Amino acid sequence: MLCTVLAIVLGVMVALYVLFELHYFLRMCLCVIAARYVKKRLHILETATVTGLCLTNDIDTLLYHMNNARYLREVDFARVDFYERTLLYRTIRSKGGSVVQGATTIRYRRFIRPFTRFRISSRIVYWDNQSIFMEHRFIGLGDGFIHCIALCRQRVIECSAEDVMATLLKGVATATSSTECLDRLENGGGGVIVGNGGTEYVGSNKLKPEMSPEVAKWLEWNEISSASLRNEC
């Protein structure tokens, strides 16, 4: 009887791994739990950092560096960590909206070898009414070299990205700590800048970064590509 039960359990586990990439979903759940309940919360314009390790299931057929596709998977986990720690995703959902990946560009500068540790820094570099643009950098822990950089366009649907960011940045009050300001955000308060004199709430217009040349040229390329594809249909 015990052997039968064990065989069934093993068969179910094998089937789950064959039909679904089970370890991906498990890691994503752990990432959400850690970001929401364990890690320190962040202001929406702060940089979030996660640490990674290139394992044998991350390498390509040449067996000496991380597979190119794995970089974007690691970006998934880094982005979820950022969403949870800054309350970005919950703010979008509270407005009845959702967010999807609209576009990604990635540039590889130096490969990451097996069993090498690295960190991914994630930050918002720009936003408009429809999208939030994030930059992700893969940085070597030993030498600080930027191995790879990815620029991602998060398309906000069913609500305004400008409105979402304004909610996370609004207010004119003063908080005494970043913990207090994030508690206020959860309760409908405004955004902050942490300075020597405390944490000052300011309007979103004062905090919105200028569009960088990289983002501008990338958006131009996206528009050209969209126009070309529409002409083909």
C-alpha atoms as a PDB file:
ATOM      1  CA  MET A   1       0.000   0.000   0.000  1.00  0.00           C
ATOM      2  CA  LEU A   2       2.781   2.416   0.978  1.00  0.00           C
ATOM      3  CA  CYS A   3       4.682   1.651  -2.205  1.00  0.00           C
ATOM      4  CA  THR A   4       1.558   2.391  -4.241  1.00  0.00           C
ATOM      5  CA  VAL A   5       1.075   5.765  -2.532  1.00  0.00           C
ATOM      6  CA  LEU A   6       4.724   6.692  -3.033  1.00  0.00           C
ATOM      7  CA  ALA A   7       4.534   5.656  -6.691  1.00  0.00           C
ATOM      8  CA  ILE A   8       1.437   7.824  -7.200  1.00  0.00           C
ATOM      9  CA  VAL A   9       3.049  10.828  -5.491  1.00  0.00           C
ATOM     10  CA  LEU A  10       6.213  10.386  -7.531  1.00  0.00           C
ATOM     11  CA  GLY A  11       4.178  10.050 -10.716  1.00  0.00           C
ATOM     12  CA  VAL A  12       2.245  13.242  -9.927  1.00  0.00           C
ATOM     13  CA  MET A  13       5.481  15.146  -9.247  1.00  0.00           C
ATOM     14  CA  VAL A  14       7.039  13.917 -12.490  1.00  0.00           C
ATOM     15  CA  ALA A  15       3.883  14.862 -14.396  1.00  0.00           C
ATOM     16  CA  LEU A  16       3.907  18.351 -12.861  1.00  0.00           C
ATOM     17  CA  TYR A  17       7.540  18.858 -13.829  1.00  0.00           C
ATOM     18  CA  VAL A  18       6.832  17.610 -17.366  1.00  0.00           C
ATOM     19  CA  LEU A  19       3.672  19.705 -17.867  1.00  0.00           C
ATOM     20  CA  PHE A  20       4.754  22.786 -15.894  1.00  0.00           C
ATOM     21  CA  GLU A  21       8.086  24.308 -14.974  1.00  0.00           C
ATOM     22  CA  LEU A  22       7.353  23.673 -11.328  1.00  0.00           C
ATOM     23  CA  HIS A  23      10.560  25.084  -9.838  1.00  0.00           C
ATOM     24  CA  TYR A  24       9.880  28.390 -11.608  1.00  0.00           C
ATOM     25  CA  PHE A  25       6.501  28.748  -9.890  1.00  0.00           C
ATOM     26  CA  LEU A  26       7.943  27.663  -6.542  1.00  0.00           C
ATOM     27  CA  ARG A  27      10.764  30.187  -6.771  1.00  0.00           C
ATOM     28  CA  MET A  28       8.330  32.923  -7.781  1.00  0.00           C
ATOM     29  CA  CYS A  29       6.168  32.181  -4.720  1.00  0.00           C
ATOM     30  CA  LEU A  30       9.236  32.310  -2.466  1.00  0.00           C
ATOM     31  CA  CYS A  31      10.292  35.572  -4.088  1.00  0.00           C
ATOM     32  CA  VAL A  32       6.906  37.173  -3.400  1.00  0.00           C
ATOM     33  CA  ILE A  33       6.842  35.949   0.213  1.00  0.00           C
ATOM     34  CA  ALA A  34      10.376  37.183   0.904  1.00  0.00           C
ATOM     35  CA  ALA A  35       9.762  40.587  -0.687  1.00  0.00           C
ATOM     36  CA  ARG A  36       6.443  41.115   1.073  1.00  0.00           C
ATOM     37  CA  TYR A  37       7.210  39.807   4.561  1.00  0.00           C
ATOM     38  CA  VAL A  38      10.995  39.586   5.020  1.00  0.00           C
ATOM     39  CA  LYS A  39      12.809  42.271   3.053  1.00  0.00           C
ATOM     40  CA  LYS A  40      12.837  45.985   3.790  1.00  0.00           C
ATOM     41  CA  ARG A  41      10.330  48.066   1.891  1.00  0.00           C
ATOM     42  CA  LEU A  42      11.535  50.629  -0.618  1.00  0.00           C
ATOM     43  CA  HIS A  43      10.409  53.964  -1.955  1.00  0.00           C
ATOM     44  CA  ILE A  44       9.200  53.777  -5.552  1.00  0.00           C
ATOM     45  CA  LEU A  45      12.276  55.626  -6.884  1.00  0.00           C
ATOM     46  CA  GLU A  46      14.818  53.642  -4.885  1.00  0.00           C
ATOM     47  CA  THR A  47      16.876  50.840  -6.411  1.00  0.00           C
ATOM     48  CA  ALA A  48      16.001  47.269  -5.433  1.00  0.00           C
ATOM     49  CA  THR A  49      18.723  44.618  -5.385  1.00  0.00           C
ATOM     50  CA  VAL A  50      18.498  40.828  -5.501  1.00  0.00           C
ATOM     51  CA  THR A  51      21.344  38.306  -5.537  1.00  0.00           C
ATOM     52  CA  GLY A  52      21.639  35.403  -7.945  1.00  0.00           C
ATOM     53  CA  LEU A  53      23.860  32.420  -8.662  1.00  0.00           C
ATOM     54  CA  CYS A  54      24.553  30.823 -12.042  1.00  0.00           C
ATOM     55  CA  LEU A  55      23.860  27.101 -11.615  1.00  0.00           C
ATOM     56  CA  THR A  56      24.274  24.157 -13.974  1.00  0.00           C
ATOM     57  CA  ASN A  57      20.654  24.424 -15.166  1.00  0.00           C
ATOM     58  CA  ASP A  58      21.339  28.035 -16.199  1.00  0.00           C
ATOM     59  CA  ILE A  59      24.236  27.383 -18.588  1.00  0.00           C
ATOM     60  CA  ASP A  60      24.013  26.928 -22.351  1.00  0.00           C
ATOM     61  CA  THR A  61      25.261  24.099 -24.575  1.00  0.00           C
ATOM     62  CA  LEU A  62      28.838  25.409 -24.490  1.00  0.00           C
ATOM     63  CA  LEU A  63      28.807  24.732 -20.718  1.00  0.00           C
ATOM     64  CA  TYR A  64      30.849  27.748 -19.685  1.00  0.00           C
ATOM     65  CA  HIS A  65      28.421  30.668 -19.317  1.00  0.00           C
ATOM     66  CA  MET A  66      24.828  31.528 -18.486  1.00  0.00           C
ATOM     67  CA  ASN A  67      22.312  30.937 -21.266  1.00  0.00           C
ATOM     68  CA  ASN A  68      21.122  34.204 -22.816  1.00  0.00           C
ATOM     69  CA  ALA A  69      17.476  33.380 -22.148  1.00  0.00           C
ATOM     70  CA  ARG A  70      18.157  32.934 -18.424  1.00  0.00           C
ATOM     71  CA  TYR A  71      18.935  36.614 -18.008  1.00  0.00           C
ATOM     72  CA  LEU A  72      15.337  37.564 -18.784  1.00  0.00           C
ATOM     73  CA  ARG A  73      14.063  34.913 -16.384  1.00  0.00           C
ATOM     74  CA  GLU A  74      16.216  36.375 -13.618  1.00  0.00           C
ATOM     75  CA  VAL A  75      14.786  39.787 -14.505  1.00  0.00           C
ATOM     76  CA  ASP A  76      11.308  38.342 -13.815  1.00  0.00           C
ATOM     77  CA  PHE A  77      12.256  37.571 -10.220  1.00  0.00           C
ATOM     78  CA  ALA A  78      13.976  40.929  -9.766  1.00  0.00           C
ATOM     79  CA  ARG A  79      10.936  42.761 -11.116  1.00  0.00           C
ATOM     80  CA  VAL A  80       8.537  40.925  -8.792  1.00  0.00           C
ATOM     81  CA  ASP A  81      10.812  41.776  -5.867  1.00  0.00           C
ATOM     82  CA  PHE A  82      10.649  45.451  -6.894  1.00  0.00           C
ATOM     83  CA  TYR A  83       6.868  45.361  -7.344  1.00  0.00           C
ATOM     84  CA  GLU A  84       6.275  43.998  -3.864  1.00  0.00           C
ATOM     85  CA  ARG A  85       8.813  46.066  -1.938  1.00  0.00           C
ATOM     86  CA  THR A  86       7.680  49.376  -3.461  1.00  0.00           C
ATOM     87  CA  LEU A  87       3.913  48.598  -3.364  1.00  0.00           C
ATOM     88  CA  LEU A  88       3.775  49.275  -7.103  1.00  0.00           C
ATOM     89  CA  TYR A  89       1.757  46.196  -8.022  1.00  0.00           C
ATOM     90  CA  ARG A  90      -0.704  46.612  -5.168  1.00  0.00           C
ATOM     91  CA  THR A  91      -1.237  50.254  -6.121  1.00  0.00           C
ATOM     92  CA  ILE A  92      -1.994  49.276  -9.725  1.00  0.00           C
ATOM     93  CA  ARG A  93      -4.436  46.598  -8.581  1.00  0.00           C
ATOM     94  CA  SER A  94      -6.123  49.002  -6.147  1.00  0.00           C
ATOM     95  CA  LYS A  95      -6.990  51.209  -9.133  1.00  0.00           C
ATOM     96  CA  GLY A  96      -8.532  48.294 -11.007  1.00  0.00           C
ATOM     97  CA  GLY A  97      -5.603  47.942 -13.366  1.00  0.00           C
ATOM     98  CA  SER A  98      -3.043  45.352 -14.314  1.00  0.00           C
ATOM     99  CA  VAL A  99       0.447  45.345 -15.774  1.00  0.00           C
ATOM    100  CA  VAL A 100       2.029  43.356 -18.594  1.00  0.00           C
ATOM    101  CA  GLN A 101       5.442  43.277 -20.237  1.00  0.00           C
ATOM    102  CA  GLY A 102       5.203  45.488 -23.317  1.00  0.00           C
ATOM    103  CA  ALA A 103       8.767  45.368 -24.623  1.00  0.00           C
ATOM    104  CA  THR A 104      12.287  44.424 -23.592  1.00  0.00           C
ATOM    105  CA  THR A 105      15.731  45.143 -24.913  1.00  0.00           C
ATOM    106  CA  ILE A 106      18.826  43.534 -23.446  1.00  0.00           C
ATOM    107  CA  ARG A 107      22.542  44.040 -24.026  1.00  0.00           C
ATOM    108  CA  TYR A 108      25.195  41.500 -23.035  1.00  0.00           C
ATOM    109  CA  ARG A 109      28.634  42.853 -22.166  1.00  0.00           C
ATOM    110  CA  ARG A 110      30.452  39.923 -20.557  1.00  0.00           C
ATOM    111  CA  PHE A 111      29.232  36.385 -19.862  1.00  0.00           C
ATOM    112  CA  ILE A 112      28.541  35.077 -16.357  1.00  0.00           C
ATOM    113  CA  ARG A 113      30.401  31.853 -15.609  1.00  0.00           C
ATOM    114  CA  PRO A 114      28.856  28.836 -13.811  1.00  0.00           C
ATOM    115  CA  PHE A 115      28.756  29.085 -10.006  1.00  0.00           C
ATOM    116  CA  THR A 116      29.360  32.828 -10.183  1.00  0.00           C
ATOM    117  CA  ARG A 117      27.334  35.065  -7.883  1.00  0.00           C
ATOM    118  CA  PHE A 118      25.867  38.306  -9.165  1.00  0.00           C
ATOM    119  CA  ARG A 119      23.336  40.910  -8.136  1.00  0.00           C
ATOM    120  CA  ILE A 120      20.546  42.517 -10.144  1.00  0.00           C
ATOM    121  CA  SER A 121      19.744  46.149  -9.478  1.00  0.00           C
ATOM    122  CA  SER A 122      16.282  47.312 -10.573  1.00  0.00           C
ATOM    123  CA  ARG A 123      14.956  50.857 -10.778  1.00  0.00           C
ATOM    124  CA  ILE A 124      12.385  52.990 -12.585  1.00  0.00           C
ATOM    125  CA  VAL A 125      14.013  55.291 -15.142  1.00  0.00           C
ATOM    126  CA  TYR A 126      10.921  56.911 -16.699  1.00  0.00           C
ATOM    127  CA  TRP A 127       7.154  56.679 -17.041  1.00  0.00           C
ATOM    128  CA  ASP A 128       4.391  58.111 -19.201  1.00  0.00           C
ATOM    129  CA  ASN A 129       0.617  57.796 -19.159  1.00  0.00           C
ATOM    130  CA  GLN A 130       0.636  54.203 -20.406  1.00  0.00           C
ATOM    131  CA  SER A 131       3.911  52.627 -19.322  1.00  0.00           C
ATOM    132  CA  ILE A 132       6.579  52.411 -16.643  1.00  0.00           C
ATOM    133  CA  PHE A 133      10.159  51.899 -17.838  1.00  0.00           C
ATOM    134  CA  MET A 134      12.552  49.877 -15.699  1.00  0.00           C
ATOM    135  CA  GLU A 135      16.274  49.250 -15.937  1.00  0.00           C
ATOM    136  CA  HIS A 136      17.875  46.035 -14.678  1.00  0.00           C
ATOM    137  CA  ARG A 137      21.646  45.606 -14.320  1.00  0.00           C
ATOM    138  CA  PHE A 138      23.507  42.341 -13.750  1.00  0.00           C
ATOM    139  CA  ILE A 139      26.520  43.262 -11.636  1.00  0.00           C
ATOM    140  CA  GLY A 140      29.399  41.021 -10.602  1.00  0.00           C
ATOM    141  CA  LEU A 141      29.780  40.747  -6.841  1.00  0.00           C
ATOM    142  CA  GLY A 142      33.552  40.584  -6.961  1.00  0.00           C
ATOM    143  CA  ASP A 143      34.544  43.327  -9.383  1.00  0.00           C
ATOM    144  CA  GLY A 144      31.332  45.342  -9.731  1.00  0.00           C
ATOM    145  CA  PHE A 145      31.411  44.931 -13.515  1.00  0.00           C
ATOM    146  CA  ILE A 146      28.046  45.357 -15.288  1.00  0.00           C
ATOM    147  CA  HIS A 147      27.716  42.090 -17.220  1.00  0.00           C
ATOM    148  CA  CYS A 148      24.351  42.841 -18.760  1.00  0.00           C
ATOM    149  CA  ILE A 149      21.771  45.617 -18.865  1.00  0.00           C
ATOM    150  CA  ALA A 150      18.073  45.264 -19.721  1.00  0.00           C
ATOM    151  CA  LEU A 151      15.464  47.940 -20.357  1.00  0.00           C
ATOM    152  CA  CYS A 152      11.844  46.877 -19.908  1.00  0.00           C
ATOM    153  CA  ARG A 153       8.565  48.615 -20.693  1.00  0.00           C
ATOM    154  CA  GLN A 154       5.816  47.690 -18.238  1.00  0.00           C
ATOM    155  CA  ARG A 155       2.481  48.444 -19.927  1.00  0.00           C
ATOM    156  CA  VAL A 156      -0.186  49.466 -17.407  1.00  0.00           C
ATOM    157  CA  ILE A 157      -3.710  48.606 -18.567  1.00  0.00           C
ATOM    158  CA  GLU A 158      -7.156  49.633 -17.308  1.00  0.00           C
ATOM    159  CA  CYS A 159      -5.653  52.593 -15.436  1.00  0.00           C
ATOM    160  CA  SER A 160      -3.153  55.399 -15.925  1.00  0.00           C
ATOM    161  CA  ALA A 161       0.524  54.867 -15.171  1.00  0.00           C
ATOM    162  CA  GLU A 162       0.806  58.584 -14.405  1.00  0.00           C
ATOM    163  CA  ASP A 163      -1.996  58.232 -11.859  1.00  0.00           C
ATOM    164  CA  VAL A 164      -0.308  55.205 -10.273  1.00  0.00           C
ATOM    165  CA  MET A 165       2.994  57.030  -9.908  1.00  0.00           C
ATOM    166  CA  ALA A 166       1.270  60.163  -8.626  1.00  0.00           C
ATOM    167  CA  THR A 167      -0.393  58.077  -5.925  1.00  0.00           C
ATOM    168  CA  LEU A 168       2.978  56.700  -4.860  1.00  0.00           C
ATOM    169  CA  LEU A 169       4.605  60.134  -4.895  1.00  0.00           C
ATOM    170  CA  LYS A 170       1.892  62.569  -3.833  1.00  0.00           C
ATOM    171  CA  GLY A 171       1.609  64.590  -0.619  1.00  0.00           C
ATOM    172  CA  VAL A 172       3.080  67.571   1.179  1.00  0.00           C
ATOM    173  CA  ALA A 173       3.424  66.248   4.708  1.00  0.00           C
ATOM    174  CA  THR A 174       6.654  65.225   6.442  1.00  0.00           C
ATOM    175  CA  ALA A 175       7.514  61.803   7.805  1.00  0.00           C
ATOM    176  CA  THR A 176      10.324  60.973  10.184  1.00  0.00           C
ATOM    177  CA  SER A 177      11.416  57.667   8.620  1.00  0.00           C
ATOM    178  CA  SER A 178      11.091  55.584   5.484  1.00  0.00           C
ATOM    179  CA  THR A 179       9.085  53.022   7.468  1.00  0.00           C
ATOM    180  CA  GLU A 180       6.548  55.667   8.391  1.00  0.00           C
ATOM    181  CA  CYS A 181       6.259  56.932   4.836  1.00  0.00           C
ATOM    182  CA  LEU A 182       5.624  53.435   3.460  1.00  0.00           C
ATOM    183  CA  ASP A 183       3.008  52.835   6.142  1.00  0.00           C
ATOM    184  CA  ARG A 184       1.341  56.020   4.931  1.00  0.00           C
ATOM    185  CA  LEU A 185       1.502  54.779   1.342  1.00  0.00           C
ATOM    186  CA  GLU A 186      -0.309  51.598   2.330  1.00  0.00           C
ATOM    187  CA  ASN A 187      -2.945  53.733   4.018  1.00  0.00           C
ATOM    188  CA  GLY A 188      -3.354  56.076   1.075  1.00  0.00           C
ATOM    189  CA  GLY A 189      -0.613  58.596   1.867  1.00  0.00           C
ATOM    190  CA  GLY A 190       2.016  60.124  -0.378  1.00  0.00           C
ATOM    191  CA  GLY A 191       5.560  59.599  -1.592  1.00  0.00           C
ATOM    192  CA  VAL A 192       8.838  60.707  -0.124  1.00  0.00           C
ATOM    193  CA  ILE A 193      12.443  61.752  -0.516  1.00  0.00           C
ATOM    194  CA  VAL A 194      14.738  60.723   2.316  1.00  0.00           C
ATOM    195  CA  GLY A 195      17.145  63.463   3.324  1.00  0.00           C
ATOM    196  CA  ASN A 196      19.234  64.596   6.258  1.00  0.00           C
ATOM    197  CA  GLY A 197      16.337  66.488   7.770  1.00  0.00           C
ATOM    198  CA  GLY A 198      13.909  63.604   7.662  1.00  0.00           C
ATOM    199  CA  THR A 199      11.620  62.271   4.941  1.00  0.00           C
ATOM    200  CA  GLU A 200       9.904  64.956   2.929  1.00  0.00           C
ATOM    201  CA  TYR A 201       6.800  64.359   0.836  1.00  0.00           C
ATOM    202  CA  VAL A 202       6.850  66.025  -2.565  1.00  0.00           C
ATOM    203  CA  GLY A 203       4.772  66.081  -5.717  1.00  0.00           C
ATOM    204  CA  SER A 204       5.323  63.597  -8.543  1.00  0.00           C
ATOM    205  CA  ASN A 205       6.202  66.315 -11.076  1.00  0.00           C
ATOM    206  CA  LYS A 206       9.319  67.244  -9.085  1.00  0.00           C
ATOM    207  CA  LEU A 207      10.508  63.644  -8.968  1.00  0.00           C
ATOM    208  CA  LYS A 208       9.818  62.409 -12.492  1.00  0.00           C
ATOM    209  CA  PRO A 209      13.162  61.793 -14.229  1.00  0.00           C
ATOM    210  CA  GLU A 210      13.914  63.193 -17.655  1.00  0.00           C
ATOM    211  CA  MET A 211      13.687  60.740 -20.523  1.00  0.00           C
ATOM    212  CA  SER A 212      17.195  59.465 -21.184  1.00  0.00           C
ATOM    213  CA  PRO A 213      18.593  59.265 -24.734  1.00  0.00           C
ATOM    214  CA  GLU A 214      18.545  55.460 -24.495  1.00  0.00           C
ATOM    215  CA  VAL A 215      14.830  55.386 -23.681  1.00  0.00           C
ATOM    216  CA  ALA A 216      14.022  58.005 -26.321  1.00  0.00           C
ATOM    217  CA  LYS A 217      15.806  56.116 -29.099  1.00  0.00           C
ATOM    218  CA  TRP A 218      14.310  52.817 -27.949  1.00  0.00           C
ATOM    219  CA  LEU A 219      10.787  54.281 -28.017  1.00  0.00           C
ATOM    220  CA  GLU A 220      11.484  55.642 -31.486  1.00  0.00           C
ATOM    221  CA  TRP A 221      12.535  52.171 -32.640  1.00  0.00           C
ATOM    222  CA  ASN A 222       9.368  50.672 -31.116  1.00  0.00           C
ATOM    223  CA  GLU A 223       7.189  53.177 -32.969  1.00  0.00           C
ATOM    224  CA  ILE A 224       8.961  52.458 -36.255  1.00  0.00           C
ATOM    225  CA  SER A 225       8.555  48.705 -35.699  1.00  0.00           C
ATOM    226  CA  SER A 226       4.850  49.076 -34.826  1.00  0.00           C
ATOM    227  CA  ALA A 227       4.202  51.190 -37.923  1.00  0.00           C
ATOM    228  CA  SER A 228       5.992  48.659 -40.111  1.00  0.00           C
ATOM    229  CA  LEU A 229       3.998  45.761 -38.676  1.00  0.00           C
ATOM    230  CA  ARG A 230       0.711  47.610 -39.085  1.00  0.00           C
ATOM    231  CA  ASN A 231       1.527  48.192 -42.747  1.00  0.00           C
ATOM    232  CA  GLU A 232       2.064  44.461 -43.231  1.00  0.00           C
ATOM    233  CA  CYS A 233      -1.394  43.571 -41.868  1.00  0.00           C
END
